Amino acid sequence: MSINVSAPRDAELAERAYASVRAVPTVEPNDRNRLGYHVWLYLRGELTTLEEAVEVARARFSPKTLPLSDVVAHITEQLHHLEHGGITIDTSGKLA
């Protein structure tokens, strides 16, 4: 599937992706935005694994020594909570 073609549920997937990375400590907001974008690509099926999405995003984390595996585990947990109702997103896109 091409990212240039809208897919069903794109907006919902984007909300989930960006919400799942909201608490990831990055050097600057653009690192988090890039990470969210790549998680969205993963949710759309453009990237095969979440690990690949985190690596390809090349986000800078704070502290610099934060292992990618910890970031992947955090995002996985957040996605799980979003999927199963542990966390909800209100109409303004904020976590509720």
Protein backbone atom coordinates (compact mmCIF):
# COMPACT_ATOMS: atom_id res chain seq x y z
CA MET A 1 0.00 0.00 0.00
CA SER A 2 1.29 3.45 -0.81
CA ILE A 3 1.36 6.22 1.78
CA ASN A 4 0.12 8.49 -1.02
CA VAL A 5 -3.21 6.70 -1.05
CA SER A 6 -5.56 7.02 1.90
CA ALA A 7 -6.39 3.81 3.65
CA PRO A 8 -9.46 3.07 5.74
CA ARG A 9 -9.05 4.23 9.35
CA ASP A 10 -5.96 6.36 8.56
CA ALA A 11 -7.05 9.12 10.95
CA GLU A 12 -7.73 6.62 13.74
CA LEU A 13 -4.38 4.91 13.19
CA ALA A 14 -2.59 8.27 13.24
CA GLU A 15 -4.26 9.21 16.53
CA ARG A 16 -3.17 5.91 18.06
CA ALA A 17 0.36 6.20 16.74
CA TYR A 18 0.96 9.72 18.03
CA ALA A 19 -0.77 8.98 21.35
CA SER A 20 1.43 5.93 21.86
CA VAL A 21 4.62 8.00 21.66
CA ARG A 22 3.36 11.02 23.59
CA ALA A 23 5.36 10.15 26.74
CA VAL A 24 8.55 8.96 25.02
CA PRO A 25 11.37 11.25 26.20
CA THR A 26 12.96 12.82 23.14
CA VAL A 27 15.47 15.61 22.66
CA GLU A 28 12.93 17.80 20.87
CA PRO A 29 9.29 17.54 19.75
CA ASN A 30 10.24 16.85 16.13
CA ASP A 31 11.94 13.62 17.24
CA ARG A 32 8.65 12.52 18.83
CA ASN A 33 6.67 13.58 15.76
CA ARG A 34 8.98 11.57 13.50
CA LEU A 35 8.63 8.60 15.82
CA GLY A 36 4.84 8.91 15.75
CA TYR A 37 4.86 9.06 11.96
CA HIS A 38 6.89 5.87 11.72
CA VAL A 39 4.63 4.10 14.24
CA TRP A 40 1.72 5.15 11.99
CA LEU A 41 3.54 3.60 9.02
CA TYR A 42 3.87 0.41 11.06
CA LEU A 43 0.17 0.41 11.98
CA ARG A 44 -0.70 0.86 8.30
CA GLY A 45 1.46 -2.10 7.37
CA GLU A 46 4.11 -0.08 5.54
CA LEU A 47 6.80 -1.24 7.99
CA THR A 48 6.94 -4.85 9.10
CA THR A 49 7.79 -4.46 12.80
CA LEU A 50 7.56 -1.86 15.50
CA GLU A 51 11.29 -2.30 16.08
CA GLU A 52 11.89 -1.31 12.46
CA ALA A 53 9.66 1.75 12.86
CA VAL A 54 11.63 2.93 15.91
CA GLU A 55 14.97 2.35 14.20
CA VAL A 56 13.99 4.03 10.92
CA ALA A 57 12.57 7.06 12.75
CA ARG A 58 16.06 7.84 14.03
CA ALA A 59 14.57 9.82 16.90
CA ARG A 60 16.98 11.15 19.52
CA PHE A 61 16.01 10.04 22.99
CA SER A 62 16.72 11.59 26.35
CA PRO A 63 18.81 10.19 27.91
CA LYS A 64 20.91 9.30 24.92
CA THR A 65 21.56 5.85 26.39
CA LEU A 66 17.87 4.87 26.44
CA PRO A 67 17.78 1.43 24.78
CA LEU A 68 15.60 1.07 21.68
CA SER A 69 14.13 -2.07 23.24
CA ASP A 70 12.77 0.03 26.13
CA VAL A 71 11.20 2.48 23.69
CA VAL A 72 9.64 -0.37 21.71
CA ALA A 73 8.32 -1.94 24.93
CA HIS A 74 6.78 1.38 26.04
CA ILE A 75 5.10 1.97 22.66
CA THR A 76 3.84 -1.62 22.57
CA GLU A 77 2.32 -1.19 26.03
CA GLN A 78 0.69 2.11 25.07
CA LEU A 79 -0.75 0.63 21.86
CA HIS A 80 -2.11 -2.31 23.87
CA HIS A 81 -3.82 0.07 26.33
CA LEU A 82 -5.27 2.12 23.47
CA GLU A 83 -6.56 -1.01 21.73
CA HIS A 84 -8.17 -2.47 24.84
CA GLY A 85 -9.68 0.64 26.39
CA GLY A 86 -7.09 1.24 29.11
CA ILE A 87 -6.44 4.66 27.60
CA THR A 88 -8.81 6.65 25.45
CA ILE A 89 -8.32 9.61 23.15
CA ASP A 90 -10.87 12.41 23.45
CA THR A 91 -12.19 14.39 20.49
CA SER A 92 -9.38 16.95 20.74
CA GLY A 93 -6.75 14.20 20.34
CA LYS A 94 -5.66 14.29 23.98
CA LEU A 95 -5.35 11.24 26.17
CA ALA A 96 -8.22 10.86 28.59
